[in-house]
Protein backbone atom coordinates (compact mmCIF):
# COMPACT_ATOMS: atom_id res chain seq x y z
CA UNK A 1 -17.87 15.80 7.50
CA UNK A 2 -19.31 12.88 9.50
CA UNK A 3 -19.28 13.87 13.84
CA UNK A 4 -16.84 10.97 15.88
CA UNK A 5 -20.18 10.11 17.07
CA UNK A 6 -22.54 10.13 13.65
CA UNK A 7 -19.77 7.86 12.54
CA UNK A 8 -20.09 5.24 15.11
CA UNK A 9 -23.47 5.38 14.20
CA UNK A 10 -23.82 4.95 10.72
CA UNK A 11 -21.36 1.98 10.91
CA UNK A 12 -23.71 0.55 13.22
CA UNK A 13 -25.93 1.25 11.32
CA UNK A 14 -24.37 -0.40 7.56
CA UNK A 15 -22.70 -3.64 10.02
CA UNK A 16 -26.74 -4.58 10.24
CA UNK A 17 -27.08 -4.53 6.67
CA UNK A 18 -28.24 -0.32 5.72
CA UNK A 19 -26.60 0.94 2.22
CA UNK A 20 -27.85 5.12 2.97
CA UNK A 21 -24.99 3.98 6.01
CA UNK A 22 -22.89 2.87 3.53
CA UNK A 23 -23.30 5.20 1.17
CA UNK A 24 -23.06 7.87 2.99
CA UNK A 25 -19.69 6.95 4.57
CA UNK A 26 -18.00 6.13 1.62
CA UNK A 27 -18.97 9.37 0.65
CA UNK A 28 -17.40 11.50 3.49
CA UNK A 29 -14.10 9.65 3.11
CA UNK A 30 -13.24 9.33 0.13
CA UNK A 31 -11.12 11.79 0.45
CA UNK A 32 -9.46 9.68 2.71
CA UNK A 33 -9.28 6.82 0.09
CA UNK A 34 -7.81 9.26 -3.07
CA UNK A 35 -4.34 11.05 -0.83
CA UNK A 36 -3.69 7.22 -0.65
CA UNK A 37 -3.49 5.93 -3.74
CA UNK A 38 -1.42 9.24 -4.76
CA UNK A 39 1.00 7.50 -3.21
CA UNK A 40 0.66 4.63 -6.54
CA UNK A 41 -0.22 7.11 -8.93
CA UNK A 42 1.77 6.28 -12.47
CA UNK A 43 2.46 2.92 -10.84
CA UNK A 44 1.25 1.43 -14.28
CA UNK A 45 -2.58 1.06 -12.87
CA UNK A 46 -5.37 3.67 -14.12
CA UNK A 47 -6.24 6.16 -11.07
CA UNK A 48 -10.20 5.57 -11.06
CA UNK A 49 -8.77 1.70 -10.35
CA UNK A 50 -6.89 2.01 -7.66
CA UNK A 51 -9.85 4.39 -6.20
CA UNK A 52 -12.47 1.67 -6.51
CA UNK A 53 -9.65 -0.96 -4.84
CA UNK A 54 -9.32 1.26 -1.76
CA UNK A 55 -13.54 2.06 -1.34
CA UNK A 56 -12.64 -1.80 -0.86
CA UNK A 57 -10.31 -1.09 1.57
CA UNK A 58 -12.35 0.79 2.59
CA UNK A 59 -15.76 -1.11 3.28
CA UNK A 60 -13.12 -4.09 5.07
CA UNK A 61 -13.00 -1.37 7.99
CA UNK A 62 -17.04 -0.25 8.08
CA UNK A 63 -17.66 -3.70 8.33
CA UNK A 64 -14.10 -5.73 10.60
CA UNK A 65 -13.98 -1.97 13.54
CA UNK A 66 -14.92 -2.35 16.90
CA UNK A 67 -15.54 0.37 19.15
CA UNK A 68 -13.43 -1.26 21.51
CA UNK A 69 -10.43 -0.05 20.30
CA UNK A 70 -11.08 3.90 21.55
CA UNK A 71 -9.55 5.25 17.75
CA UNK A 72 -10.65 7.47 15.51
CA UNK A 73 -12.67 5.38 12.23
CA UNK A 74 -10.15 6.69 9.71
CA UNK A 75 -7.22 5.68 11.10
CA UNK A 76 -8.77 2.00 11.74
CA UNK A 77 -9.05 2.61 8.03
CA UNK A 78 -5.82 3.58 6.56
CA UNK A 79 -4.30 -0.05 7.41
CA UNK A 80 -6.89 -2.17 5.76
CA UNK A 81 -7.37 0.53 2.33
CA UNK A 82 -3.24 0.07 2.10
CA UNK A 83 -3.38 -3.57 2.62
CA UNK A 84 -6.08 -3.65 -0.37
CA UNK A 85 -4.11 -1.61 -3.17
CA UNK A 86 -0.97 -3.71 -2.21
CA UNK A 87 -2.98 -6.68 -2.16
CA UNK A 88 -3.68 -6.18 -5.50
CA UNK A 89 -0.91 -4.62 -7.11
CA UNK A 90 0.83 -7.95 -5.08
CA UNK A 91 -1.54 -10.56 -7.27
CA UNK A 92 -1.89 -8.27 -10.00
CA UNK A 93 0.70 -5.83 -10.23
CA UNK A 94 3.25 -6.06 -13.05
CA UNK A 95 4.47 -2.42 -14.92
CA UNK A 96 2.51 -1.32 -17.60
CA UNK A 97 3.89 -1.33 -20.78
CA UNK A 98 1.92 1.02 -22.67
CA UNK A 99 1.22 -1.49 -26.39
CA UNK A 100 2.79 1.68 -28.63
CA UNK A 101 5.96 0.95 -27.11
CA UNK A 102 5.43 -2.73 -27.00
CA UNK A 103 5.24 -2.06 -30.40
CA UNK A 104 7.79 -0.54 -31.33
CA UNK A 105 9.94 -2.90 -29.39
CA UNK A 106 8.46 -5.96 -31.63
CA UNK A 107 9.45 -3.70 -34.75
CA UNK A 108 12.78 -3.40 -33.64
CA UNK A 109 13.87 -6.43 -32.73
CA UNK A 110 12.30 -7.10 -36.42
CA UNK A 111 14.78 -4.99 -38.04
CA UNK A 112 17.71 -6.35 -35.50
CA UNK A 113 16.88 -9.89 -36.42
CA UNK A 114 17.27 -8.98 -40.47
CA UNK A 115 20.43 -6.88 -39.82
CA UNK A 116 22.08 -9.31 -37.82
CA UNK A 117 21.43 -12.02 -40.38
CA UNK A 118 22.56 -9.77 -42.89
CA UNK A 119 25.52 -7.14 -42.22
CA UNK A 120 26.80 -10.47 -39.27
CA UNK A 121 26.83 -7.13 -36.54
CA UNK A 122 23.89 -5.08 -34.57
CA UNK A 123 22.97 -1.48 -35.93
CA UNK A 124 22.97 1.42 -34.15
CA UNK A 125 20.96 3.19 -31.98
CA UNK A 126 20.78 5.76 -35.21
CA UNK A 127 20.24 3.14 -37.90
CA UNK A 128 17.19 1.07 -36.19
CA UNK A 129 16.14 5.11 -35.58
CA UNK A 130 15.79 6.32 -39.24
CA UNK A 131 15.07 2.04 -40.56
CA UNK A 132 11.79 3.22 -38.68
CA UNK A 133 11.26 6.38 -38.38
CA UNK A 134 11.05 6.81 -34.99
CA UNK A 135 13.12 9.18 -32.46
CA UNK A 136 15.85 8.02 -30.90
CA UNK A 137 14.73 8.39 -28.03
CA UNK A 138 11.42 6.56 -29.00
CA UNK A 139 13.83 3.23 -30.07
CA UNK A 140 15.93 3.62 -26.65
CA UNK A 141 13.06 3.68 -25.07
CA UNK A 142 11.64 0.55 -26.31
CA UNK A 143 14.80 -1.03 -26.65
CA UNK A 144 14.88 -1.11 -22.55
CA UNK A 145 11.27 -1.55 -22.05
CA UNK A 146 11.91 -4.72 -22.06
CA UNK A 147 14.14 -5.07 -18.88
CA UNK A 148 11.90 -3.28 -16.62
CA UNK A 149 11.01 -4.52 -13.61
CA UNK A 150 8.23 -6.78 -14.19
CA UNK A 151 6.83 -6.54 -10.21
CA UNK A 152 6.57 -3.98 -7.68
CA UNK A 153 6.77 -6.88 -5.36
CA UNK A 154 10.34 -7.92 -6.86
CA UNK A 155 13.47 -7.54 -4.85
CA UNK A 156 16.06 -4.21 -5.09
CA UNK A 157 18.91 -4.35 -3.34
CA UNK A 158 20.96 -0.32 -3.73
CA UNK A 159 24.19 -1.29 -1.42
CA UNK A 160 21.76 -2.01 1.35
CA UNK A 161 22.38 -4.26 4.07
CA UNK A 162 18.68 -5.43 3.62
CA UNK A 163 17.24 -5.45 -0.48
CA UNK A 164 13.29 -3.99 -0.37
CA UNK A 165 10.94 -4.45 -2.59
CA UNK A 166 10.49 -2.47 -5.85
CA UNK A 167 6.68 -0.61 -3.76
CA UNK A 168 8.84 -0.82 -0.07
CA UNK A 169 10.71 2.56 -2.82
CA UNK A 170 7.36 4.87 -4.15
CA UNK A 171 8.55 8.44 -2.46
CA UNK A 172 5.47 9.28 0.35
CA UNK A 173 5.65 12.03 1.96
CA UNK A 174 8.06 12.76 5.58
CA UNK A 175 6.60 11.02 8.02
CA UNK A 176 4.29 9.60 6.12
CA UNK A 177 5.40 5.48 6.66
CA UNK A 178 5.69 6.58 10.16
CA UNK A 179 1.60 6.83 10.77
CA UNK A 180 1.68 4.00 8.17
CA UNK A 181 3.84 1.71 10.18
CA UNK A 182 1.49 2.73 13.37
CA UNK A 183 -1.90 2.28 12.14
CA UNK A 184 -0.34 -0.61 10.76
CA UNK A 185 -0.15 -2.21 13.45
CA UNK A 186 -3.78 -1.61 15.15
CA UNK A 187 -5.18 -3.29 12.19
CA UNK A 188 -3.20 -6.72 14.19
CA UNK A 189 -4.58 -5.95 17.19
CA UNK A 190 -7.22 -8.58 15.95
CA UNK A 191 -4.58 -11.24 16.41
CA UNK A 192 -4.31 -9.91 20.78
CA UNK A 193 -6.35 -10.90 24.19
CA UNK A 194 -8.22 -7.82 24.58
CA UNK A 195 -6.64 -6.64 27.89
CA UNK A 196 -3.08 -7.07 24.67
CA UNK A 197 -4.66 -4.87 22.49
CA UNK A 198 -5.62 -2.40 25.73
CA UNK A 199 -2.43 -2.29 26.76
CA UNK A 200 -0.82 -1.64 24.03
CA UNK A 201 -3.49 0.87 22.76
CA UNK A 202 -2.77 3.19 25.82
CA UNK A 203 0.81 2.41 25.76
CA UNK A 204 0.93 3.70 21.54
CA UNK A 205 -2.25 5.33 20.53
CA UNK A 206 -2.69 7.15 23.99
CA UNK A 207 0.99 7.77 25.01
CA UNK A 208 0.10 6.50 28.42
CA UNK A 209 3.57 5.78 30.06
CA UNK A 210 3.51 1.71 31.54
CA UNK A 211 3.13 2.87 35.59
CA UNK A 212 -0.24 5.13 33.85
CA UNK A 213 -0.71 1.82 32.15
CA UNK A 214 0.24 0.01 35.04
CA UNK A 215 -2.77 2.11 38.15
CA UNK A 216 -5.00 1.44 34.75
CA UNK A 217 -5.06 -2.08 34.66
CA UNK A 218 -4.45 -2.70 38.89
CA UNK A 219 -1.23 -4.30 38.06
CA UNK A 220 3.31 -3.59 38.62
CA UNK A 221 4.63 -1.26 36.51
CA UNK A 222 7.20 -4.19 35.89
CA UNK A 223 4.30 -6.87 35.24
CA UNK A 224 3.05 -4.06 32.41
CA UNK A 225 6.82 -3.85 31.01
CA UNK A 226 6.49 -7.88 30.99
CA UNK A 227 3.54 -7.91 29.07
CA UNK A 228 4.43 -5.38 26.73
CA UNK A 229 7.57 -6.89 25.86
CA UNK A 230 5.94 -10.47 24.69
CA UNK A 231 3.12 -8.67 23.23
CA UNK A 232 4.72 -6.53 20.70
CA UNK A 233 6.91 -10.18 19.42
CA UNK A 234 3.34 -11.50 19.10
CA UNK A 235 2.67 -8.54 16.67
CA UNK A 236 6.20 -8.81 14.79
CA UNK A 237 5.55 -12.87 14.10
CA UNK A 238 1.67 -11.69 12.77
CA UNK A 239 3.84 -8.37 10.41
């Protein structure tokens, strides 16, 4: 594993066009990419494809990383990797149904049409299975495949006051959502002035109190409180 100093050195070199440093950074952070990809496994996209997409986010992190943030590169990279994967799923995010299931669904629909024209009623699941030489489970799966959500970003209502996108309901480890939320804020820092960035970094990533921040900036605690409130409102607009 690279030390913090070596990581920063290779980031500088990679930004200057050094392909060897870029490769070293990717190799040393590929486990980070894979750990994030694990959240999106079995969602209709091949694992290796997601790793490649996540690696594009890692590259963006390399080229956009700013040492003045005073955060670890890996911490900064996480929201960019997640964002790249989510963007891909949003743009090409239909939940894939296998060709076999689609073919079975086609045969079933044809059989149902012919059956209805002959007998003027619908066949039972057992009749479909027996005539097409499928198991009952295969018939149910094929029939229900037409009812599957078409996108990971389709809004679903689970009875709560606020509906969610399907992708937000992907299970995650305890505490992970809080971490992702926290580091996502870092990715929004590009929209702030240097002074505003410093306040957010000191408060939320270096765990400084408003009083401590006030001393560092040479202003009153009241001013820090007001500035912090305004900055958080701005971040909500960009989120």
